[in-house]
Amino acid sequence: MRVLASVPHPYCLVSIFSFNEKYIVKLEFGNCAIEYKIKNSEVSGLDEIKEKLTPEFIDSFADVFMTIGKKFKNG
């Protein structure tokens, strides 16, 4: 897996990888991570993926990460 780019964000680590003819977008917040796989043929390239990763888009995952973290801690 090859790291292609990182997208700056104040509290979420966002990385874009290339692996087996797919882009992998990984969002990490604390101890939680979400990966999304995109076939190379579904996008025009790395720039298109970066354009979709707006701060608003990334922020929308904060609630998901908080919910997962709470459920894990509380059983």
Protein backbone atom coordinates (compact mmCIF):
# COMPACT_ATOMS: atom_id res chain seq x y z
CA MET A 1 0.00 0.00 0.00
CA ARG A 2 1.45 3.34 -1.04
CA VAL A 3 0.67 6.65 0.68
CA LEU A 4 -0.37 9.21 -1.93
CA ALA A 5 -1.46 12.16 0.17
CA SER A 6 -2.60 13.52 3.50
CA VAL A 7 -5.42 16.02 3.86
CA PRO A 8 -4.94 18.56 6.65
CA HIS A 9 -7.63 18.66 9.33
CA PRO A 10 -7.44 19.90 12.94
CA TYR A 11 -8.51 16.71 14.71
CA CYS A 12 -8.88 13.94 12.12
CA LEU A 13 -5.97 12.27 10.35
CA VAL A 14 -6.94 11.84 6.70
CA SER A 15 -4.74 9.73 4.42
CA ILE A 16 -5.14 8.59 0.82
CA PHE A 17 -3.47 5.37 -0.29
CA SER A 18 -3.14 3.41 -3.52
CA PHE A 19 -3.49 -0.39 -3.45
CA ASN A 20 -4.63 -3.00 -6.00
CA GLU A 21 -6.05 -0.51 -8.52
CA LYS A 22 -8.01 1.27 -5.78
CA TYR A 23 -7.73 4.46 -3.82
CA ILE A 24 -8.23 3.99 -0.10
CA VAL A 25 -9.34 6.99 1.95
CA LYS A 26 -8.65 6.49 5.65
CA LEU A 27 -10.11 8.75 8.34
CA GLU A 28 -8.66 8.36 11.85
CA PHE A 29 -10.03 9.99 14.97
CA GLY A 30 -8.53 8.89 18.28
CA ASN A 31 -8.69 5.10 18.44
CA CYS A 32 -11.22 4.75 15.61
CA ALA A 33 -10.65 4.54 11.87
CA ILE A 34 -12.84 4.27 8.80
CA GLU A 35 -11.58 3.25 5.35
CA TYR A 36 -13.39 3.83 2.10
CA LYS A 37 -12.23 2.08 -1.10
CA ILE A 38 -12.71 3.66 -4.51
CA LYS A 39 -11.89 1.91 -7.78
CA ASN A 40 -9.44 3.87 -9.92
CA SER A 41 -11.98 3.74 -12.76
CA GLU A 42 -14.64 5.53 -10.64
CA VAL A 43 -12.70 8.81 -10.36
CA SER A 44 -10.53 10.89 -12.63
CA GLY A 45 -7.65 10.86 -10.16
CA LEU A 46 -6.29 11.94 -6.82
CA ASP A 47 -7.37 15.56 -7.25
CA GLU A 48 -11.03 14.55 -7.56
CA ILE A 49 -10.83 12.63 -4.29
CA LYS A 50 -9.15 15.56 -2.53
CA GLU A 51 -11.89 17.90 -3.76
CA LYS A 52 -14.52 15.69 -2.09
CA LEU A 53 -12.68 15.68 1.25
CA THR A 54 -13.86 19.09 2.38
CA PRO A 55 -13.69 20.10 6.06
CA GLU A 56 -17.48 19.83 6.20
CA PHE A 57 -17.37 16.27 4.82
CA ILE A 58 -14.68 15.23 7.30
CA ASP A 59 -16.50 16.94 10.19
CA SER A 60 -19.61 14.91 9.41
CA PHE A 61 -17.72 11.81 10.57
CA ALA A 62 -16.98 13.25 14.03
CA ASP A 63 -20.39 12.14 15.33
CA VAL A 64 -19.87 8.66 13.91
CA PHE A 65 -16.49 8.35 15.64
CA MET A 66 -17.91 9.66 18.94
CA THR A 67 -20.78 7.16 18.81
CA ILE A 68 -18.45 4.25 18.05
CA GLY A 69 -16.14 5.28 20.89
CA LYS A 70 -18.99 5.53 23.40
CA LYS A 71 -20.47 2.18 22.38
CA PHE A 72 -17.11 0.48 22.69
CA LYS A 73 -16.44 1.93 26.15
CA ASN A 74 -19.94 1.23 27.46
CA GLY A 75 -20.33 -2.21 25.93
